[in-house]
Amino acid sequence: MSLLWTSKDMIEAMDGRPVGTIPDGVTGISIDSRTVGEGDAFFAIKGDRFDGHDFASVAVANGASLLVVAESKLPALGRVTAPMIVVNDVLAALEDLGRASRARTDAKIIAVTGSVGKTSSKEMLRQVLEPSGEVHASAASFNNHWGVPLTLARMPASAAYGVFEIGMNHPDEIRPLVKMVKPHIAIITTVAAAHMGNFKNLTEIAAAKSEIMEGLVEGGHLLLNRDNEKYAWLKKRAGDIGVSNLHSFGENAKADYRLLKFKLLPDCSTITARIGQDEVAVKIGAPGRHQIQNALAVLGAVQLAGANLAKATHALAGLSAEKGRGARHTLKIDGGSFILIDESYNANPASMRAALELLRDTPVRLRGRRIAVLGDMLEMGRFSEQVHRDLAGPVGEAGADLVCLAGPEMRALRDELGTNIETVYCEEASELADHLKTVLRDGDVVMVKSSLGIGFGRIVKALLDKYPALPDSSTQD
């Protein structure tokens, strides 16, 4: 396997001090001792709950060929005899290596942020750019103060495209990250009510998202959602910052990447769109109206990056929803089957509505029911009770026959629904999982949605453990 980094380049980039017999280089970068690969460098980052230095020996046992450790921790590592690069601060060293990676690459760099659709758009970009060249993209949702520099540091020098997801839940979080990434193209998928506990209103959220503009390279391109209510504000902000190349996507007649018509199907969507001067017909393998909006932004970025648009549109047909973000499972029950839609990774008012629309648009069979399994939306602050109550309308519009709720904030929705829709409330996700096992039947469609911290992934796992998947299930592990 070729080297990702030579040790010499790492030492120079991080201003590190070598200790021991240093290898020629490393084949990968890791911050997790459990998943470190053979020949990787293990960065012993100190996090909120764990200190990587405590797991240095585990990393070596699992194959790490080089450790990056803090000078102050060196005495405590006396029994660890592996080669090391010693630095003042391990996270700062990772950031320095990320900057060095950005400096050495000739790749077209795309950065994505937004209240909804960051990860889905990032994965979509990964897939549609692959026919045009080597793509490096964030793993999972590595979009924070350690995830972004880690993704940068992992980028091979040979990459033709780099795709970075940048998240935030407070102001001034995107700014330092995007200044490391220095994108040629930046996308703001949408601005919606998320992390409202840290913001007064949507304008403050828009301001935080707009920080991504500040890292654009000179002559870089910005893609904005023209259908979003904060488009005009973001456009003005882009002008104030000095962004010279502004583009938009959406249904709006003035959008540069414009949706002309669409058809929503149970397991996919078809659209006709104008991408610059080209009118294209596209099948999107993942269902949902929100995926159409993501696809418009992605196809715009493909064109701006100079990639092959025809190959990109073809690749969209092979798209599938990810675990926790709309992945579908067809599971056996009582001689028949039911559909499980896994939306358990995250939730805010906008993504909750999108998930309920998915439930609405998924056909039920025979005596089947639409079942909404909903958990708390976190980080809503003083708006929490109201935004949970406001879900009553979308739940009704989704045609839900049964609503299953858990979490303290979901009491507000339970009270709002009253007796209008059959509703079950439980304190804990595990209790709700046990209840679901007793009521599911052939033909049902079950959609599970909550913020990650509520633990609704356990409900999905419990159902997957109990009910076998049919061969055509879209199960993704």
Protein backbone atom coordinates (compact mmCIF):
# COMPACT_ATOMS: atom_id res chain seq x y z
CA MET A 1 0.00 0.00 0.00
CA SER A 2 1.32 3.46 -0.89
CA LEU A 3 2.14 5.93 1.85
CA LEU A 4 -0.37 8.63 2.75
CA TRP A 5 2.36 10.64 4.46
CA THR A 6 6.10 10.26 4.79
CA SER A 7 7.26 10.66 8.39
CA LYS A 8 9.58 13.43 7.25
CA ASP A 9 6.67 15.45 5.85
CA MET A 10 4.61 14.83 8.99
CA ILE A 11 7.39 16.00 11.29
CA GLU A 12 7.93 19.11 9.20
CA ALA A 13 4.21 19.95 8.97
CA MET A 14 3.61 19.48 12.71
CA ASP A 15 6.95 20.85 13.94
CA GLY A 16 7.29 17.57 15.82
CA ARG A 17 10.15 15.81 17.57
CA PRO A 18 10.83 12.21 16.52
CA VAL A 19 11.37 9.59 19.24
CA GLY A 20 12.49 6.04 18.48
CA THR A 21 13.03 4.38 15.11
CA ILE A 22 10.59 6.28 12.93
CA PRO A 23 9.06 4.41 9.96
CA ASP A 24 9.38 5.79 6.44
CA GLY A 25 5.77 6.86 6.59
CA VAL A 26 2.17 5.91 7.36
CA THR A 27 -0.67 4.55 5.27
CA GLY A 28 -3.46 6.22 7.25
CA ILE A 29 -4.42 8.58 10.08
CA SER A 30 -6.54 7.52 13.06
CA ILE A 31 -7.77 8.98 16.34
CA ASP A 32 -9.58 5.80 17.45
CA SER A 33 -7.47 3.05 19.00
CA ARG A 34 -10.21 0.49 18.35
CA THR A 35 -10.30 0.96 14.58
CA VAL A 36 -6.72 2.04 13.86
CA GLY A 37 -5.37 0.25 10.79
CA GLU A 38 -2.09 -1.57 10.22
CA GLY A 39 0.54 1.05 9.40
CA ASP A 40 -1.57 4.02 10.58
CA ALA A 41 -0.41 6.97 12.65
CA PHE A 42 -2.45 7.22 15.86
CA PHE A 43 -3.09 10.76 17.08
CA ALA A 44 -3.66 10.67 20.86
CA ILE A 45 -6.24 13.45 21.00
CA LYS A 46 -7.68 14.47 24.36
CA GLY A 47 -11.47 14.72 24.01
CA ASP A 48 -14.29 15.66 26.36
CA ARG A 49 -14.60 12.14 27.76
CA PHE A 50 -11.41 10.28 26.85
CA ASP A 51 -7.73 11.00 26.46
CA GLY A 52 -6.15 9.17 23.53
CA HIS A 53 -2.88 8.85 25.46
CA ASP A 54 -4.63 6.34 27.74
CA PHE A 55 -5.16 4.07 24.71
CA ALA A 56 -1.75 4.40 23.05
CA SER A 57 -0.77 0.81 23.85
CA VAL A 58 -4.09 -0.46 22.45
CA ALA A 59 -3.46 1.48 19.23
CA VAL A 60 -0.02 -0.11 18.88
CA ALA A 61 -1.45 -3.57 19.55
CA ASN A 62 -4.01 -2.96 16.82
CA GLY A 63 -1.39 -2.06 14.22
CA ALA A 64 -0.43 1.60 14.62
CA SER A 65 3.14 2.07 13.41
CA LEU A 66 3.52 5.62 14.75
CA LEU A 67 2.10 7.60 17.66
CA VAL A 68 1.59 11.36 17.76
CA VAL A 69 1.62 12.37 21.42
CA ALA A 70 1.84 15.48 23.58
CA GLU A 71 5.15 16.43 25.22
CA SER A 72 3.41 16.77 28.59
CA LYS A 73 2.11 13.18 28.40
CA LEU A 74 5.44 11.60 27.50
CA PRO A 75 6.41 10.58 31.09
CA ALA A 76 3.14 8.64 31.44
CA LEU A 77 3.93 6.67 28.28
CA GLY A 78 7.10 5.11 29.68
CA ARG A 79 6.05 1.54 28.91
CA VAL A 80 5.05 2.33 25.34
CA THR A 81 8.05 1.73 23.11
CA ALA A 82 6.50 2.48 19.71
CA PRO A 83 7.94 5.20 17.46
CA MET A 84 6.51 8.62 18.26
CA ILE A 85 6.30 12.15 17.00
CA VAL A 86 6.11 14.41 20.03
CA VAL A 87 4.24 17.72 19.72
CA ASN A 88 3.00 20.43 22.06
CA ASP A 89 -0.70 19.82 21.35
CA VAL A 90 -1.99 16.79 19.44
CA LEU A 91 -5.17 18.39 18.06
CA ALA A 92 -3.21 21.45 16.93
CA ALA A 93 -0.73 19.09 15.23
CA LEU A 94 -3.59 17.36 13.41
CA GLU A 95 -4.82 20.77 12.25
CA ASP A 96 -1.31 21.61 11.00
CA LEU A 97 -1.19 18.32 9.08
CA GLY A 98 -4.61 19.11 7.61
CA ARG A 99 -3.34 22.48 6.41
CA ALA A 100 -0.32 20.80 4.87
CA SER A 101 -2.64 18.39 3.09
CA ARG A 102 -4.66 21.26 1.69
CA ALA A 103 -1.49 23.02 0.56
CA ARG A 104 -0.15 20.00 -1.35
CA THR A 105 -3.34 19.00 -3.19
CA ASP A 106 -4.49 19.95 -6.69
CA ALA A 107 -7.99 18.61 -5.96
CA LYS A 108 -11.15 20.64 -6.49
CA ILE A 109 -12.44 21.22 -2.97
CA ILE A 110 -16.17 21.39 -2.16
CA ALA A 111 -17.51 22.28 1.30
CA VAL A 112 -21.10 21.72 2.42
CA THR A 113 -23.04 23.15 5.34
CA GLY A 114 -26.71 23.74 6.11
CA SER A 115 -29.38 23.06 8.71
CA VAL A 116 -30.55 19.97 6.84
CA GLY A 117 -28.98 17.80 4.15
CA LYS A 118 -25.24 18.24 4.84
CA THR A 119 -24.35 14.57 5.10
CA SER A 120 -26.78 13.46 2.38
CA SER A 121 -25.37 16.05 -0.02
CA LYS A 122 -21.80 15.11 0.88
CA GLU A 123 -22.49 11.44 0.19
CA MET A 124 -24.30 12.34 -3.02
CA LEU A 125 -21.26 14.33 -4.16
CA ARG A 126 -18.97 11.43 -3.31
CA GLN A 127 -21.00 9.12 -5.52
CA VAL A 128 -21.62 11.38 -8.51
CA LEU A 129 -18.02 12.67 -8.73
CA GLU A 130 -16.43 9.20 -8.68
CA PRO A 131 -16.91 8.63 -12.43
CA SER A 132 -14.87 11.79 -13.04
CA GLY A 133 -11.90 11.07 -10.78
CA GLU A 134 -10.63 10.01 -7.36
CA VAL A 135 -12.87 11.42 -4.61
CA HIS A 136 -11.94 11.95 -0.97
CA ALA A 137 -14.83 12.79 1.36
CA SER A 138 -15.58 12.98 5.06
CA ALA A 139 -16.35 9.70 6.79
CA ALA A 140 -19.71 9.56 8.58
CA SER A 141 -20.47 13.06 9.94
CA PHE A 142 -16.90 14.14 10.62
CA ASN A 143 -17.83 17.81 10.47
CA ASN A 144 -16.56 19.37 13.71
CA HIS A 145 -13.32 20.72 15.21
CA TRP A 146 -11.58 17.34 15.03
CA GLY A 147 -13.51 15.75 12.16
CA VAL A 148 -12.62 18.40 9.58
CA PRO A 149 -8.83 18.44 10.19
CA LEU A 150 -8.86 14.63 10.37
CA THR A 151 -10.60 14.44 7.00
CA LEU A 152 -8.12 16.91 5.54
CA ALA A 153 -5.13 15.00 6.92
CA ARG A 154 -6.49 11.78 5.41
CA MET A 155 -6.81 13.24 1.90
CA PRO A 156 -4.42 11.51 -0.53
CA ALA A 157 -2.23 13.76 -2.63
CA SER A 158 -3.67 11.96 -5.67
CA ALA A 159 -7.30 13.00 -5.03
CA ALA A 160 -9.06 14.83 -7.86
CA TYR A 161 -11.95 15.99 -5.65
CA GLY A 162 -12.24 16.66 -1.93
CA VAL A 163 -15.69 16.91 -0.31
CA PHE A 164 -15.99 18.28 3.21
CA GLU A 165 -19.01 18.54 5.48
CA ILE A 166 -18.81 21.40 7.98
CA GLY A 167 -21.29 21.54 10.85
CA MET A 168 -22.00 23.90 13.70
CA ASN A 169 -24.24 24.40 16.69
CA HIS A 170 -22.98 27.83 17.71
CA PRO A 171 -21.48 30.94 16.07
CA ASP A 172 -17.78 31.06 15.12
CA GLU A 173 -17.58 27.27 14.68
CA ILE A 174 -17.56 27.08 10.88
CA ARG A 175 -15.14 29.99 10.36
CA PRO A 176 -11.87 28.35 11.55
CA LEU A 177 -12.78 25.05 9.87
CA VAL A 178 -13.54 26.49 6.44
CA LYS A 179 -10.33 28.53 6.57
CA MET A 180 -8.49 25.20 6.81
CA VAL A 181 -10.53 23.63 4.00
CA LYS A 182 -10.33 26.63 1.60
CA PRO A 183 -13.03 25.37 -0.77
CA HIS A 184 -13.33 26.21 -4.43
CA ILE A 185 -17.08 25.63 -4.10
CA ALA A 186 -19.23 26.15 -0.97
CA ILE A 187 -22.83 24.97 -0.60
CA ILE A 188 -25.39 26.08 1.98
CA THR A 189 -28.15 23.49 1.59
CA THR A 190 -30.75 25.42 3.60
CA VAL A 191 -31.27 27.51 6.71
CA ALA A 192 -33.87 26.16 9.12
CA ALA A 193 -34.66 26.00 12.83
CA ALA A 194 -31.86 23.85 14.25
CA HIS A 195 -29.80 24.30 17.44
CA MET A 196 -32.29 26.97 18.42
CA GLY A 197 -31.12 26.76 22.01
CA ASN A 198 -27.97 28.62 20.90
CA PHE A 199 -29.62 31.19 18.61
CA LYS A 200 -32.33 33.82 18.94
CA ASN A 201 -33.78 33.42 15.45
CA LEU A 202 -33.23 32.18 11.89
CA THR A 203 -31.15 35.21 10.98
CA GLU A 204 -28.59 34.27 13.60
CA ILE A 205 -28.51 30.74 12.19
CA ALA A 206 -28.06 32.16 8.68
CA ALA A 207 -25.19 34.30 9.94
CA ALA A 208 -23.46 31.26 11.42
CA LYS A 209 -23.93 29.28 8.20
CA SER A 210 -22.62 32.22 6.16
CA GLU A 211 -19.22 31.80 7.79
CA ILE A 212 -18.54 29.17 5.13
CA MET A 213 -18.29 31.98 2.57
CA GLU A 214 -15.26 33.42 4.34
CA GLY A 215 -13.07 30.45 3.48
CA LEU A 216 -13.69 30.41 -0.26
CA VAL A 217 -10.56 30.71 -2.38
CA GLU A 218 -10.29 33.79 -4.54
CA GLY A 219 -12.69 33.37 -7.45
CA GLY A 220 -14.50 30.56 -5.65
CA HIS A 221 -18.17 29.71 -6.14
CA LEU A 222 -21.05 29.87 -3.64
CA LEU A 223 -24.26 27.84 -4.08
CA LEU A 224 -27.38 29.02 -2.22
CA ASN A 225 -30.91 27.63 -1.97
CA ARG A 226 -33.09 30.16 -3.80
CA ASP A 227 -36.27 28.67 -2.31
CA ASN A 228 -35.12 29.30 1.25
CA GLU A 229 -36.53 32.29 3.11
CA LYS A 230 -33.01 33.44 4.03
CA TYR A 231 -31.77 33.51 0.43
CA ALA A 232 -31.91 37.32 0.13
CA TRP A 233 -30.10 37.75 3.46
CA LEU A 234 -27.40 35.26 2.46
CA LYS A 235 -27.01 36.88 -0.97
CA LYS A 236 -26.42 40.26 0.65
CA ARG A 237 -23.99 38.72 3.10
CA ALA A 238 -22.07 37.15 0.22
CA GLY A 239 -21.82 40.56 -1.42
CA ASP A 240 -20.55 42.14 1.78
CA ILE A 241 -17.87 39.45 2.11
CA GLY A 242 -16.84 39.89 -1.52
CA VAL A 243 -17.96 36.59 -3.02
CA SER A 244 -17.82 37.20 -6.76
CA ASN A 245 -19.42 34.00 -8.07
CA LEU A 246 -22.87 33.42 -6.59
CA HIS A 247 -25.18 30.70 -7.92
CA SER A 248 -28.57 29.43 -6.78
CA PHE A 249 -30.62 26.25 -6.95
CA GLY A 250 -34.29 25.45 -6.43
CA GLU A 251 -37.71 25.77 -8.07
CA ASN A 252 -37.50 29.54 -8.27
CA ALA A 253 -37.67 30.73 -11.88
CA LYS A 254 -34.43 32.69 -11.40
CA ALA A 255 -32.44 29.73 -10.02
CA ASP A 256 -29.31 28.84 -11.99
CA TYR A 257 -29.86 25.15 -11.24
CA ARG A 258 -33.61 24.94 -11.54
CA LEU A 259 -36.11 22.18 -10.92
CA LEU A 260 -38.59 22.12 -13.81
CA LYS A 261 -40.71 19.13 -12.83
CA PHE A 262 -40.54 16.12 -10.57
CA LYS A 263 -42.31 12.93 -9.60
CA LEU A 264 -42.06 11.37 -6.15
CA LEU A 265 -42.09 7.56 -6.08
CA PRO A 266 -41.98 5.21 -3.08
CA ASP A 267 -38.31 4.31 -3.50
CA CYS A 268 -36.92 7.03 -5.78
CA SER A 269 -37.72 10.30 -7.53
CA THR A 270 -37.51 11.48 -11.13
CA ILE A 271 -36.81 15.08 -12.06
CA THR A 272 -36.23 17.32 -15.01
CA ALA A 273 -33.86 20.17 -14.23
CA ARG A 274 -31.97 22.93 -15.97
CA ILE A 275 -28.32 22.78 -14.96
CA GLY A 276 -26.76 25.88 -16.46
CA GLN A 277 -27.50 25.61 -20.20
CA ASP A 278 -28.32 21.90 -20.04
CA GLU A 279 -31.75 20.39 -19.47
CA VAL A 280 -31.34 16.98 -17.85
CA ALA A 281 -33.69 14.15 -16.88
CA VAL A 282 -32.52 12.47 -13.68
CA LYS A 283 -33.53 9.52 -11.55
CA ILE A 284 -32.57 9.90 -7.89
CA GLY A 285 -32.22 6.53 -6.19
CA ALA A 286 -33.12 7.80 -2.71
CA PRO A 287 -36.76 8.92 -2.22
CA GLY A 288 -38.01 12.20 -0.79
CA ARG A 289 -38.59 15.78 -1.83
CA HIS A 290 -35.61 16.92 0.24
CA GLN A 291 -33.29 14.70 -1.79
CA ILE A 292 -34.37 16.52 -4.93
CA GLN A 293 -33.22 19.82 -3.46
CA ASN A 294 -29.92 18.23 -2.46
CA ALA A 295 -29.49 16.84 -5.98
CA LEU A 296 -29.92 20.28 -7.58
CA ALA A 297 -27.13 21.68 -5.40
CA VAL A 298 -24.93 18.67 -6.10
CA LEU A 299 -25.39 18.83 -9.87
CA GLY A 300 -24.60 22.54 -9.75
CA ALA A 301 -21.40 21.79 -7.87
CA VAL A 302 -20.51 19.07 -10.39
CA GLN A 303 -20.77 21.54 -13.24
CA LEU A 304 -18.84 24.23 -11.39
CA ALA A 305 -16.10 21.73 -10.56
CA GLY A 306 -15.71 20.86 -14.24
CA ALA A 307 -16.69 17.23 -13.68
CA ASN A 308 -18.68 15.10 -16.14
CA LEU A 309 -22.34 16.09 -15.75
CA ALA A 310 -23.73 13.19 -17.81
CA LYS A 311 -21.89 10.63 -15.72
CA ALA A 312 -22.97 12.39 -12.54
CA THR A 313 -26.66 12.33 -13.46
CA HIS A 314 -26.37 8.63 -14.30
CA ALA A 315 -24.71 7.95 -10.92
CA LEU A 316 -27.62 9.55 -9.05
CA ALA A 317 -29.82 6.59 -10.03
CA GLY A 318 -27.62 4.34 -7.91
CA LEU A 319 -28.00 6.49 -4.81
CA SER A 320 -29.47 4.87 -1.70
CA ALA A 321 -30.41 6.39 1.64
CA GLU A 322 -27.94 5.88 4.48
CA LYS A 323 -28.30 4.27 7.87
CA GLY A 324 -30.12 6.70 10.15
CA ARG A 325 -30.94 8.99 7.22
CA GLY A 326 -33.79 7.29 5.40
CA ALA A 327 -32.40 3.77 4.90
CA ARG A 328 -35.29 1.40 4.17
CA HIS A 329 -35.66 -2.17 5.36
CA THR A 330 -38.34 -4.62 4.23
CA LEU A 331 -38.81 -7.00 7.16
CA LYS A 332 -40.76 -10.27 7.47
CA ILE A 333 -43.70 -10.48 9.85
CA ASP A 334 -46.56 -12.97 10.22
CA GLY A 335 -46.18 -14.43 6.74
CA GLY A 336 -45.98 -10.95 5.20
CA SER A 337 -43.75 -7.91 5.61
CA PHE A 338 -43.54 -4.31 6.77
CA ILE A 339 -41.30 -1.39 5.78
CA LEU A 340 -39.00 0.26 8.29
CA ILE A 341 -37.64 3.74 7.44
CA ASP A 342 -34.63 4.57 9.58
CA GLU A 343 -34.36 8.34 10.20
CA SER A 344 -32.89 7.92 13.67
CA TYR A 345 -29.66 9.89 13.24
CA ASN A 346 -30.81 13.46 13.73
CA ALA A 347 -33.86 15.69 13.94
CA ASN A 348 -34.91 19.32 13.79
CA PRO A 349 -38.24 20.81 12.68
CA ALA A 350 -37.26 20.89 8.98
CA SER A 351 -35.86 17.35 8.83
CA MET A 352 -38.80 16.05 10.91
CA ARG A 353 -41.21 17.44 8.31
CA ALA A 354 -39.18 15.90 5.49
CA ALA A 355 -39.26 12.51 7.22
CA LEU A 356 -43.01 12.73 7.74
CA GLU A 357 -43.40 13.51 4.04
CA LEU A 358 -41.45 10.31 3.31
CA LEU A 359 -43.92 8.43 5.48
CA ARG A 360 -46.84 10.06 3.66
CA ASP A 361 -45.45 9.14 0.24
CA THR A 362 -44.74 5.49 1.07
CA PRO A 363 -47.68 3.25 0.10
CA VAL A 364 -49.14 0.87 2.67
CA ARG A 365 -50.46 -2.57 1.72
CA LEU A 366 -53.59 -4.45 2.71
CA ARG A 367 -54.53 -3.54 6.30
CA GLY A 368 -51.25 -1.74 6.79
CA ARG A 369 -50.88 1.54 8.67
CA ARG A 370 -48.54 4.50 8.58
CA ILE A 371 -46.77 4.57 11.94
CA ALA A 372 -44.72 7.59 13.01
CA VAL A 373 -42.20 6.79 15.78
CA LEU A 374 -40.92 10.15 16.98
CA GLY A 375 -38.43 11.24 19.63
CA ASP A 376 -37.23 14.56 20.97
CA MET A 377 -35.58 17.21 18.82
CA LEU A 378 -32.66 18.41 20.91
CA GLU A 379 -31.03 21.84 21.20
CA MET A 380 -34.31 23.71 20.68
CA GLY A 381 -33.90 25.76 23.88
CA ARG A 382 -36.82 27.97 24.84
CA PHE A 383 -38.53 27.13 21.55
CA SER A 384 -38.68 23.42 22.37
CA GLU A 385 -42.26 23.08 23.57
CA GLN A 386 -43.65 25.06 20.65
CA VAL A 387 -41.69 23.32 17.89
CA HIS A 388 -42.73 19.93 19.25
CA ARG A 389 -46.38 21.02 19.40
CA ASP A 390 -46.10 22.32 15.86
CA LEU A 391 -45.41 18.82 14.58
CA ALA A 392 -49.10 17.97 15.01
CA GLY A 393 -49.90 19.50 11.62
CA PRO A 394 -47.22 17.60 9.65
CA VAL A 395 -48.15 14.37 11.48
CA GLY A 396 -51.75 14.79 10.36
CA GLU A 397 -50.70 15.68 6.81
CA ALA A 398 -48.59 12.52 6.69
CA GLY A 399 -51.73 10.46 7.21
CA ALA A 400 -50.27 8.75 10.28
CA ASP A 401 -52.60 6.09 11.67
CA LEU A 402 -50.53 5.54 14.80
CA VAL A 403 -48.05 7.88 16.50
CA CYS A 404 -45.52 6.43 18.95
CA LEU A 405 -43.61 8.97 21.03
CA ALA A 406 -40.78 8.92 23.57
CA GLY A 407 -38.74 11.55 25.36
CA PRO A 408 -39.71 14.39 27.71
CA GLU A 409 -40.11 17.00 24.96
CA MET A 410 -42.52 14.80 23.01
CA ARG A 411 -45.11 15.18 25.77
CA ALA A 412 -45.99 18.49 24.11
CA LEU A 413 -46.84 16.73 20.84
CA ARG A 414 -48.76 14.04 22.71
CA ASP A 415 -50.89 16.72 24.37
CA GLU A 416 -51.40 18.58 21.09
CA LEU A 417 -52.54 15.45 19.24
CA GLY A 418 -55.03 14.58 21.95
CA THR A 419 -57.48 11.97 20.69
CA ASN A 420 -57.30 13.04 17.03
CA ILE A 421 -54.80 10.29 16.18
CA GLU A 422 -54.10 7.07 18.06
CA THR A 423 -51.04 7.94 20.14
CA VAL A 424 -48.75 5.95 22.41
CA TYR A 425 -46.28 7.69 24.71
CA CYS A 426 -43.36 6.07 26.55
CA GLU A 427 -40.65 7.62 28.70
CA GLU A 428 -37.78 5.65 27.14
CA ALA A 429 -36.82 4.45 23.66
CA SER A 430 -36.38 0.87 24.90
CA GLU A 431 -39.92 0.83 26.27
CA LEU A 432 -41.23 2.09 22.96
CA ALA A 433 -39.29 -0.60 21.09
CA ASP A 434 -40.92 -3.28 23.24
CA HIS A 435 -44.35 -1.82 22.53
CA LEU A 436 -43.79 -1.72 18.78
CA LYS A 437 -42.97 -5.43 18.72
CA THR A 438 -46.48 -6.14 20.02
CA VAL A 439 -48.42 -4.02 17.52
CA LEU A 440 -46.69 -4.27 14.14
CA ARG A 441 -48.40 -6.21 11.36
CA ASP A 442 -48.20 -7.09 7.69
CA GLY A 443 -48.39 -4.05 5.38
CA ASP A 444 -47.29 -1.43 7.93
CA VAL A 445 -44.86 1.38 7.14
CA VAL A 446 -42.87 2.48 10.21
CA MET A 447 -40.80 5.66 10.21
CA VAL A 448 -38.41 6.22 13.14
CA LYS A 449 -37.13 9.78 13.68
CA SER A 450 -35.38 11.58 16.54
CA SER A 451 -32.24 13.42 17.52
CA LEU A 452 -29.29 11.07 17.96
CA GLY A 453 -29.01 11.64 21.72
CA ILE A 454 -32.49 10.24 22.33
CA GLY A 455 -31.29 6.79 21.31
CA PHE A 456 -33.90 5.83 18.73
CA GLY A 457 -31.19 3.89 16.91
CA ARG A 458 -31.90 1.25 19.57
CA ILE A 459 -35.49 1.01 18.34
CA VAL A 460 -34.26 0.40 14.79
CA LYS A 461 -31.78 -2.21 16.01
CA ALA A 462 -34.43 -3.95 18.11
CA LEU A 463 -36.73 -4.27 15.09
CA LEU A 464 -33.91 -5.42 12.82
CA ASP A 465 -32.88 -8.01 15.41
CA LYS A 466 -36.41 -9.38 15.78
CA TYR A 467 -37.64 -9.36 12.19
CA PRO A 468 -35.61 -10.93 9.34
CA ALA A 469 -34.88 -8.84 6.28
CA LEU A 470 -36.30 -9.82 2.92
CA PRO A 471 -33.77 -10.26 0.11
CA ASP A 472 -34.83 -6.97 -1.52
CA SER A 473 -34.41 -4.99 1.70
CA SER A 474 -32.23 -1.87 1.50
CA THR A 475 -30.53 -2.71 4.78
CA GLN A 476 -27.24 -0.85 5.15
CA ASP A 477 -24.77 -1.71 7.86
